[in-house]
Amino acid sequence: MARALGESPSTVHGWKSVGRIPAEKQPHVLDVALALNIPITAEHVVFPLGRPDAVDDLGLSLSTPHVACHRGDKAQPKAAA
């Protein structure tokens, strides 16, 4: 995946380690995954370690039903339930 993204393996590993893909890289990650037939969704890219099941400092729930991804005519596979 790192090669396909044009990133060093250590960079992609760093994203995985911290559980965050930089926002400016997220659309490219989705495009590359789609081209490689890797079944990931915007949900996977925004929350690579899964959604936080926590409440923020204001007492607001951090869990929301879905991440919206407006990708034009590109198909986005549905996440498994």
PDB file of N, CA and C in Angstrom:
ATOM      1  N   MET A   1       0.833  -1.188   0.000  1.00  0.00           N
ATOM      2  CA  MET A   1       0.000   0.000   0.000  1.00  0.00           C
ATOM      3  C   MET A   1       0.878   1.251   0.000  1.00  0.00           C
ATOM      4  N   ALA A   2       1.963   1.218   0.780  1.00  0.00           N
ATOM      5  CA  ALA A   2       2.852   2.377   0.831  1.00  0.00           C
ATOM      6  C   ALA A   2       3.393   2.691  -0.562  1.00  0.00           C
ATOM      7  N   ARG A   3       3.816   1.666  -1.276  1.00  0.00           N
ATOM      8  CA  ARG A   3       4.344   1.863  -2.631  1.00  0.00           C
ATOM      9  C   ARG A   3       3.265   2.467  -3.533  1.00  0.00           C
ATOM     10  N   ALA A   4       2.065   1.946  -3.463  1.00  0.00           N
ATOM     11  CA  ALA A   4       0.971   2.446  -4.304  1.00  0.00           C
ATOM     12  C   ALA A   4       0.604   3.887  -3.955  1.00  0.00           C
ATOM     13  N   LEU A   5       0.783   4.258  -2.686  1.00  0.00           N
ATOM     14  CA  LEU A   5       0.479   5.622  -2.251  1.00  0.00           C
ATOM     15  C   LEU A   5       1.610   6.598  -2.563  1.00  0.00           C
ATOM     16  N   GLY A   6       2.795   6.052  -2.881  1.00  0.00           N
ATOM     17  CA  GLY A   6       3.947   6.915  -3.100  1.00  0.00           C
ATOM     18  C   GLY A   6       4.523   7.425  -1.793  1.00  0.00           C
ATOM     19  N   GLU A   7       4.326   6.668  -0.728  1.00  0.00           N
ATOM     20  CA  GLU A   7       4.809   7.021   0.607  1.00  0.00           C
ATOM     21  C   GLU A   7       5.806   5.960   1.065  1.00  0.00           C
ATOM     22  N   SER A   8       6.661   6.327   1.990  1.00  0.00           N
ATOM     23  CA  SER A   8       7.594   5.338   2.533  1.00  0.00           C
ATOM     24  C   SER A   8       6.831   4.389   3.455  1.00  0.00           C
ATOM     25  N   PRO A   9       7.294   3.139   3.525  1.00  0.00           N
ATOM     26  CA  PRO A   9       6.639   2.200   4.448  1.00  0.00           C
ATOM     27  C   PRO A   9       6.636   2.701   5.884  1.00  0.00           C
ATOM     28  N   SER A  10       7.701   3.404   6.294  1.00  0.00           N
ATOM     29  CA  SER A  10       7.734   3.900   7.672  1.00  0.00           C
ATOM     30  C   SER A  10       6.674   4.970   7.909  1.00  0.00           C
ATOM     31  N   THR A  11       6.364   5.755   6.882  1.00  0.00           N
ATOM     32  CA  THR A  11       5.312   6.764   7.015  1.00  0.00           C
ATOM     33  C   THR A  11       3.953   6.104   7.215  1.00  0.00           C
ATOM     34  N   VAL A  12       3.647   5.122   6.375  1.00  0.00           N
ATOM     35  CA  VAL A  12       2.359   4.426   6.478  1.00  0.00           C
ATOM     36  C   VAL A  12       2.286   3.660   7.790  1.00  0.00           C
ATOM     37  N   HIS A  13       3.387   3.057   8.211  1.00  0.00           N
ATOM     38  CA  HIS A  13       3.415   2.366   9.500  1.00  0.00           C
ATOM     39  C   HIS A  13       3.160   3.358  10.639  1.00  0.00           C
ATOM     40  N   GLY A  14       3.715   4.552  10.507  1.00  0.00           N
ATOM     41  CA  GLY A  14       3.475   5.594  11.517  1.00  0.00           C
ATOM     42  C   GLY A  14       2.011   5.952  11.616  1.00  0.00           C
ATOM     43  N   TRP A  15       1.337   6.049  10.460  1.00  0.00           N
ATOM     44  CA  TRP A  15      -0.103   6.330  10.475  1.00  0.00           C
ATOM     45  C   TRP A  15      -0.828   5.242  11.255  1.00  0.00           C
ATOM     46  N   LYS A  16      -0.438   3.989  10.983  1.00  0.00           N
ATOM     47  CA  LYS A  16      -1.087   2.868  11.657  1.00  0.00           C
ATOM     48  C   LYS A  16      -0.809   2.905  13.159  1.00  0.00           C
ATOM     49  N   SER A  17       0.422   3.200  13.519  1.00  0.00           N
ATOM     50  CA  SER A  17       0.806   3.212  14.931  1.00  0.00           C
ATOM     51  C   SER A  17       0.038   4.251  15.737  1.00  0.00           C
ATOM     52  N   VAL A  18      -0.146   5.443  15.159  1.00  0.00           N
ATOM     53  CA  VAL A  18      -0.863   6.493  15.897  1.00  0.00           C
ATOM     54  C   VAL A  18      -2.369   6.434  15.685  1.00  0.00           C
ATOM     55  N   GLY A  19      -2.810   5.582  14.737  1.00  0.00           N
ATOM     56  CA  GLY A  19      -4.240   5.444  14.495  1.00  0.00           C
ATOM     57  C   GLY A  19      -4.847   6.628  13.791  1.00  0.00           C
ATOM     58  N   ARG A  20      -4.059   7.287  12.934  1.00  0.00           N
ATOM     59  CA  ARG A  20      -4.556   8.474  12.243  1.00  0.00           C
ATOM     60  C   ARG A  20      -3.878   8.626  10.896  1.00  0.00           C
ATOM     61  N   ILE A  21      -4.683   8.699   9.851  1.00  0.00           N
ATOM     62  CA  ILE A  21      -4.197   9.024   8.515  1.00  0.00           C
ATOM     63  C   ILE A  21      -4.428  10.521   8.346  1.00  0.00           C
ATOM     64  N   PRO A  22      -3.388  11.290   7.991  1.00  0.00           N
ATOM     65  CA  PRO A  22      -3.580  12.740   7.856  1.00  0.00           C
ATOM     66  C   PRO A  22      -4.747  13.063   6.914  1.00  0.00           C
ATOM     67  N   ALA A  23      -5.536  14.045   7.291  1.00  0.00           N
ATOM     68  CA  ALA A  23      -6.737  14.407   6.532  1.00  0.00           C
ATOM     69  C   ALA A  23      -6.426  14.673   5.067  1.00  0.00           C
ATOM     70  N   GLU A  24      -5.297  15.315   4.774  1.00  0.00           N
ATOM     71  CA  GLU A  24      -4.973  15.641   3.386  1.00  0.00           C
ATOM     72  C   GLU A  24      -4.616  14.397   2.577  1.00  0.00           C
ATOM     73  N   LYS A  25      -4.292  13.293   3.243  1.00  0.00           N
ATOM     74  CA  LYS A  25      -3.945  12.034   2.566  1.00  0.00           C
ATOM     75  C   LYS A  25      -5.141  11.099   2.413  1.00  0.00           C
ATOM     76  N   GLN A  26      -6.186  11.329   3.188  1.00  0.00           N
ATOM     77  CA  GLN A  26      -7.319  10.407   3.208  1.00  0.00           C
ATOM     78  C   GLN A  26      -7.978  10.197   1.842  1.00  0.00           C
ATOM     79  N   PRO A  27      -8.251  11.241   1.051  1.00  0.00           N
ATOM     80  CA  PRO A  27      -8.864  10.983  -0.264  1.00  0.00           C
ATOM     81  C   PRO A  27      -7.975  10.126  -1.161  1.00  0.00           C
ATOM     82  N   HIS A  28      -6.660  10.343  -1.113  1.00  0.00           N
ATOM     83  CA  HIS A  28      -5.741   9.558  -1.936  1.00  0.00           C
ATOM     84  C   HIS A  28      -5.723   8.097  -1.480  1.00  0.00           C
ATOM     85  N   VAL A  29      -5.757   7.870  -0.175  1.00  0.00           N
ATOM     86  CA  VAL A  29      -5.803   6.505   0.351  1.00  0.00           C
ATOM     87  C   VAL A  29      -7.056   5.800  -0.166  1.00  0.00           C
ATOM     88  N   LEU A  30      -8.194   6.479  -0.142  1.00  0.00           N
ATOM     89  CA  LEU A  30      -9.437   5.878  -0.658  1.00  0.00           C
ATOM     90  C   LEU A  30      -9.334   5.582  -2.149  1.00  0.00           C
ATOM     91  N   ASP A  31      -8.776   6.514  -2.918  1.00  0.00           N
ATOM     92  CA  ASP A  31      -8.627   6.304  -4.368  1.00  0.00           C
ATOM     93  C   ASP A  31      -7.733   5.104  -4.668  1.00  0.00           C
ATOM     94  N   VAL A  32      -6.608   5.019  -3.979  1.00  0.00           N
ATOM     95  CA  VAL A  32      -5.667   3.921  -4.208  1.00  0.00           C
ATOM     96  C   VAL A  32      -6.299   2.590  -3.796  1.00  0.00           C
ATOM     97  N   ALA A  33      -6.956   2.574  -2.655  1.00  0.00           N
ATOM     98  CA  ALA A  33      -7.614   1.346  -2.203  1.00  0.00           C
ATOM     99  C   ALA A  33      -8.670   0.895  -3.209  1.00  0.00           C
ATOM    100  N   LEU A  34      -9.439   1.828  -3.737  1.00  0.00           N
ATOM    101  CA  LEU A  34     -10.451   1.494  -4.738  1.00  0.00           C
ATOM    102  C   LEU A  34      -9.796   0.905  -5.977  1.00  0.00           C
ATOM    103  N   ALA A  35      -8.691   1.515  -6.431  1.00  0.00           N
ATOM    104  CA  ALA A  35      -7.981   1.024  -7.617  1.00  0.00           C
ATOM    105  C   ALA A  35      -7.395  -0.367  -7.383  1.00  0.00           C
ATOM    106  N   LEU A  36      -7.004  -0.668  -6.155  1.00  0.00           N
ATOM    107  CA  LEU A  36      -6.425  -1.968  -5.822  1.00  0.00           C
ATOM    108  C   LEU A  36      -7.466  -2.989  -5.353  1.00  0.00           C
ATOM    109  N   ASN A  37      -8.737  -2.605  -5.419  1.00  0.00           N
ATOM    110  CA  ASN A  37      -9.835  -3.465  -4.965  1.00  0.00           C
ATOM    111  C   ASN A  37      -9.696  -3.869  -3.499  1.00  0.00           C
ATOM    112  N   ILE A  38      -9.208  -2.948  -2.681  1.00  0.00           N
ATOM    113  CA  ILE A  38      -9.133  -3.168  -1.241  1.00  0.00           C
ATOM    114  C   ILE A  38     -10.427  -2.627  -0.634  1.00  0.00           C
ATOM    115  N   PRO A  39     -11.179  -3.481   0.036  1.00  0.00           N
ATOM    116  CA  PRO A  39     -12.504  -3.075   0.531  1.00  0.00           C
ATOM    117  C   PRO A  39     -12.454  -2.209   1.790  1.00  0.00           C
ATOM    118  N   ILE A  40     -12.024  -0.946   1.639  1.00  0.00           N
ATOM    119  CA  ILE A  40     -12.084  -0.025   2.768  1.00  0.00           C
ATOM    120  C   ILE A  40     -13.075   1.078   2.456  1.00  0.00           C
ATOM    121  N   THR A  41     -13.547   1.704   3.489  1.00  0.00           N
ATOM    122  CA  THR A  41     -14.511   2.787   3.346  1.00  0.00           C
ATOM    123  C   THR A  41     -13.946   4.043   4.003  1.00  0.00           C
ATOM    124  N   ALA A  42     -14.647   5.143   3.857  1.00  0.00           N
ATOM    125  CA  ALA A  42     -14.257   6.381   4.532  1.00  0.00           C
ATOM    126  C   ALA A  42     -14.198   6.160   6.035  1.00  0.00           C
ATOM    127  N   GLU A  43     -15.070   5.337   6.542  1.00  0.00           N
ATOM    128  CA  GLU A  43     -15.076   5.005   7.976  1.00  0.00           C
ATOM    129  C   GLU A  43     -13.723   4.428   8.397  1.00  0.00           C
ATOM    130  N   HIS A  44     -13.173   3.518   7.609  1.00  0.00           N
ATOM    131  CA  HIS A  44     -11.871   2.921   7.917  1.00  0.00           C
ATOM    132  C   HIS A  44     -10.749   3.954   7.869  1.00  0.00           C
ATOM    133  N   VAL A  45     -10.849   4.884   6.942  1.00  0.00           N
ATOM    134  CA  VAL A  45      -9.793   5.884   6.767  1.00  0.00           C
ATOM    135  C   VAL A  45      -9.840   6.941   7.871  1.00  0.00           C
ATOM    136  N   VAL A  46     -11.032   7.360   8.243  1.00  0.00           N
ATOM    137  CA  VAL A  46     -11.176   8.381   9.275  1.00  0.00           C
ATOM    138  C   VAL A  46     -10.899   7.792  10.662  1.00  0.00           C
ATOM    139  N   PHE A  47     -11.322   6.567  10.896  1.00  0.00           N
ATOM    140  CA  PHE A  47     -11.140   5.901  12.187  1.00  0.00           C
ATOM    141  C   PHE A  47     -10.399   4.579  11.977  1.00  0.00           C
ATOM    142  N   PRO A  48      -9.087   4.614  11.634  1.00  0.00           N
ATOM    143  CA  PRO A  48      -8.378   3.373  11.322  1.00  0.00           C
ATOM    144  C   PRO A  48      -8.319   2.366  12.468  1.00  0.00           C
ATOM    145  N   LEU A  49      -8.458   2.802  13.688  1.00  0.00           N
ATOM    146  CA  LEU A  49      -8.459   1.885  14.831  1.00  0.00           C
ATOM    147  C   LEU A  49      -9.858   1.652  15.373  1.00  0.00           C
ATOM    148  N   GLY A  50     -10.868   2.075  14.616  1.00  0.00           N
ATOM    149  CA  GLY A  50     -12.247   1.949  15.066  1.00  0.00           C
ATOM    150  C   GLY A  50     -12.716   3.222  15.742  1.00  0.00           C
ATOM    151  N   ARG A  51     -14.015   3.359  15.847  1.00  0.00           N
ATOM    152  CA  ARG A  51     -14.601   4.546  16.466  1.00  0.00           C
ATOM    153  C   ARG A  51     -14.313   4.576  17.952  1.00  0.00           C
ATOM    154  N   PRO A  52     -14.032   5.763  18.458  1.00  0.00           N
ATOM    155  CA  PRO A  52     -13.863   5.856  19.912  1.00  0.00           C
ATOM    156  C   PRO A  52     -15.214   5.686  20.599  1.00  0.00           C
ATOM    157  N   ASP A  53     -15.246   4.855  21.618  1.00  0.00           N
ATOM    158  CA  ASP A  53     -16.472   4.674  22.403  1.00  0.00           C
ATOM    159  C   ASP A  53     -16.314   5.473  23.688  1.00  0.00           C
ATOM    160  N   ALA A  54     -16.256   6.771  23.509  1.00  0.00           N
ATOM    161  CA  ALA A  54     -15.996   7.640  24.653  1.00  0.00           C
ATOM    162  C   ALA A  54     -16.887   8.868  24.568  1.00  0.00           C
ATOM    163  N   VAL A  55     -16.783   9.662  25.602  1.00  0.00           N
ATOM    164  CA  VAL A  55     -17.493  10.929  25.659  1.00  0.00           C
ATOM    165  C   VAL A  55     -16.432  12.011  25.801  1.00  0.00           C
ATOM    166  N   ASP A  56     -16.569  13.090  25.033  1.00  0.00           N
ATOM    167  CA  ASP A  56     -15.562  14.144  25.110  1.00  0.00           C
ATOM    168  C   ASP A  56     -15.710  14.955  26.394  1.00  0.00           C
ATOM    169  N   ASP A  57     -14.844  15.938  26.584  1.00  0.00           N
ATOM    170  CA  ASP A  57     -14.837  16.743  27.804  1.00  0.00           C
ATOM    171  C   ASP A  57     -16.127  17.527  28.024  1.00  0.00           C
ATOM    172  N   LEU A  58     -16.889  17.770  26.965  1.00  0.00           N
ATOM    173  CA  LEU A  58     -18.146  18.504  27.102  1.00  0.00           C
ATOM    174  C   LEU A  58     -19.324  17.582  27.377  1.00  0.00           C
ATOM    175  N   GLY A  59     -19.047  16.275  27.434  1.00  0.00           N
ATOM    176  CA  GLY A  59     -20.120  15.331  27.691  1.00  0.00           C
ATOM    177  C   GLY A  59     -20.867  14.916  26.441  1.00  0.00           C
ATOM    178  N   LEU A  60     -20.321  15.267  25.276  1.00  0.00           N
ATOM    179  CA  LEU A  60     -20.962  14.903  24.018  1.00  0.00           C
ATOM    180  C   LEU A  60     -20.473  13.539  23.562  1.00  0.00           C
ATOM    181  N   SER A  61     -21.368  12.724  23.088  1.00  0.00           N
ATOM    182  CA  SER A  61     -20.988  11.407  22.592  1.00  0.00           C
ATOM    183  C   SER A  61     -20.159  11.576  21.326  1.00  0.00           C
ATOM    184  N   LEU A  62     -19.076  10.814  21.223  1.00  0.00           N
ATOM    185  CA  LEU A  62     -18.234  10.857  20.039  1.00  0.00           C
ATOM    186  C   LEU A  62     -18.687   9.863  18.980  1.00  0.00           C
ATOM    187  N   SER A  63     -19.640   9.028  19.326  1.00  0.00           N
ATOM    188  CA  SER A  63     -20.124   8.031  18.372  1.00  0.00           C
ATOM    189  C   SER A  63     -21.245   8.606  17.529  1.00  0.00           C
ATOM    190  N   THR A  64     -21.068   8.522  16.225  1.00  0.00           N
ATOM    191  CA  THR A  64     -22.094   8.932  15.276  1.00  0.00           C
ATOM    192  C   THR A  64     -22.352   7.761  14.348  1.00  0.00           C
ATOM    193  N   PRO A  65     -23.502   7.698  13.695  1.00  0.00           N
ATOM    194  CA  PRO A  65     -23.846   6.519  12.912  1.00  0.00           C
ATOM    195  C   PRO A  65     -22.887   6.212  11.760  1.00  0.00           C
ATOM    196  N   HIS A  66     -22.530   7.203  10.954  1.00  0.00           N
ATOM    197  CA  HIS A  66     -21.724   6.940   9.762  1.00  0.00           C
ATOM    198  C   HIS A  66     -20.897   8.164   9.406  1.00  0.00           C
ATOM    199  N   VAL A  67     -19.835   7.927   8.673  1.00  0.00           N
ATOM    200  CA  VAL A  67     -19.026   9.011   8.125  1.00  0.00           C
ATOM    201  C   VAL A  67     -19.495   9.222   6.692  1.00  0.00           C
ATOM    202  N   ALA A  68     -19.860  10.455   6.358  1.00  0.00           N
ATOM    203  CA  ALA A  68     -20.296  10.751   4.993  1.00  0.00           C
ATOM    204  C   ALA A  68     -19.083  10.903   4.098  1.00  0.00           C
ATOM    205  N   CYS A  69     -19.172  10.357   2.910  1.00  0.00           N
ATOM    206  CA  CYS A  69     -18.081  10.456   1.946  1.00  0.00           C
ATOM    207  C   CYS A  69     -18.694  10.762   0.589  1.00  0.00           C
ATOM    208  N   HIS A  70     -18.487  11.964   0.116  1.00  0.00           N
ATOM    209  CA  HIS A  70     -19.031  12.361  -1.177  1.00  0.00           C
ATOM    210  C   HIS A  70     -17.933  12.215  -2.220  1.00  0.00           C
ATOM    211  N   ARG A  71     -17.945  11.110  -2.947  1.00  0.00           N
ATOM    212  CA  ARG A  71     -16.878  10.760  -3.866  1.00  0.00           C
ATOM    213  C   ARG A  71     -17.334  10.846  -5.322  1.00  0.00           C
ATOM    214  N   GLY A  72     -18.379  11.592  -5.589  1.00  0.00           N
ATOM    215  CA  GLY A  72     -18.840  11.701  -6.974  1.00  0.00           C
ATOM    216  C   GLY A  72     -19.345  10.376  -7.486  1.00  0.00           C
ATOM    217  N   ASP A  73     -18.830   9.947  -8.642  1.00  0.00           N
ATOM    218  CA  ASP A  73     -19.313   8.717  -9.261  1.00  0.00           C
ATOM    219  C   ASP A  73     -18.555   7.477  -8.807  1.00  0.00           C
ATOM    220  N   LYS A  74     -17.612   7.621  -7.884  1.00  0.00           N
ATOM    221  CA  LYS A  74     -16.841   6.466  -7.417  1.00  0.00           C
ATOM    222  C   LYS A  74     -17.638   5.703  -6.375  1.00  0.00           C
ATOM    223  N   ALA A  75     -17.703   4.405  -6.553  1.00  0.00           N
ATOM    224  CA  ALA A  75     -18.448   3.576  -5.619  1.00  0.00           C
ATOM    225  C   ALA A  75     -17.674   3.428  -4.325  1.00  0.00           C
ATOM    226  N   GLN A  76     -18.401   3.365  -3.243  1.00  0.00           N
ATOM    227  CA  GLN A  76     -17.805   3.136  -1.941  1.00  0.00           C
ATOM    228  C   GLN A  76     -18.482   1.912  -1.354  1.00  0.00           C
ATOM    229  N   PRO A  77     -17.714   0.846  -1.105  1.00  0.00           N
ATOM    230  CA  PRO A  77     -18.351  -0.360  -0.558  1.00  0.00           C
ATOM    231  C   PRO A  77     -18.923  -0.088   0.816  1.00  0.00           C
ATOM    232  N   LYS A  78     -19.999  -0.804   1.131  1.00  0.00           N
ATOM    233  CA  LYS A  78     -20.610  -0.646   2.443  1.00  0.00           C
ATOM    234  C   LYS A  78     -19.831  -1.460   3.464  1.00  0.00           C
ATOM    235  N   ALA A  79     -19.697  -0.896   4.651  1.00  0.00           N
ATOM    236  CA  ALA A  79     -19.008  -1.581   5.730  1.00  0.00           C
ATOM    237  C   ALA A  79     -19.863  -2.746   6.216  1.00  0.00           C
ATOM    238  N   ALA A  80     -19.207  -3.800   6.634  1.00  0.00           N
ATOM    239  CA  ALA A  80     -19.916  -4.944   7.189  1.00  0.00           C
ATOM    240  C   ALA A  80     -20.536  -4.566   8.514  1.00  0.00           C
ATOM    241  N   ALA A  81     -21.725  -5.084   8.765  1.00  0.00           N
ATOM    242  CA  ALA A  81     -22.421  -4.757  10.012  1.00  0.00           C
ATOM    243  C   ALA A  81     -21.900  -5.550  11.161  1.00  0.00           C
TER     244      ALA A  81
END
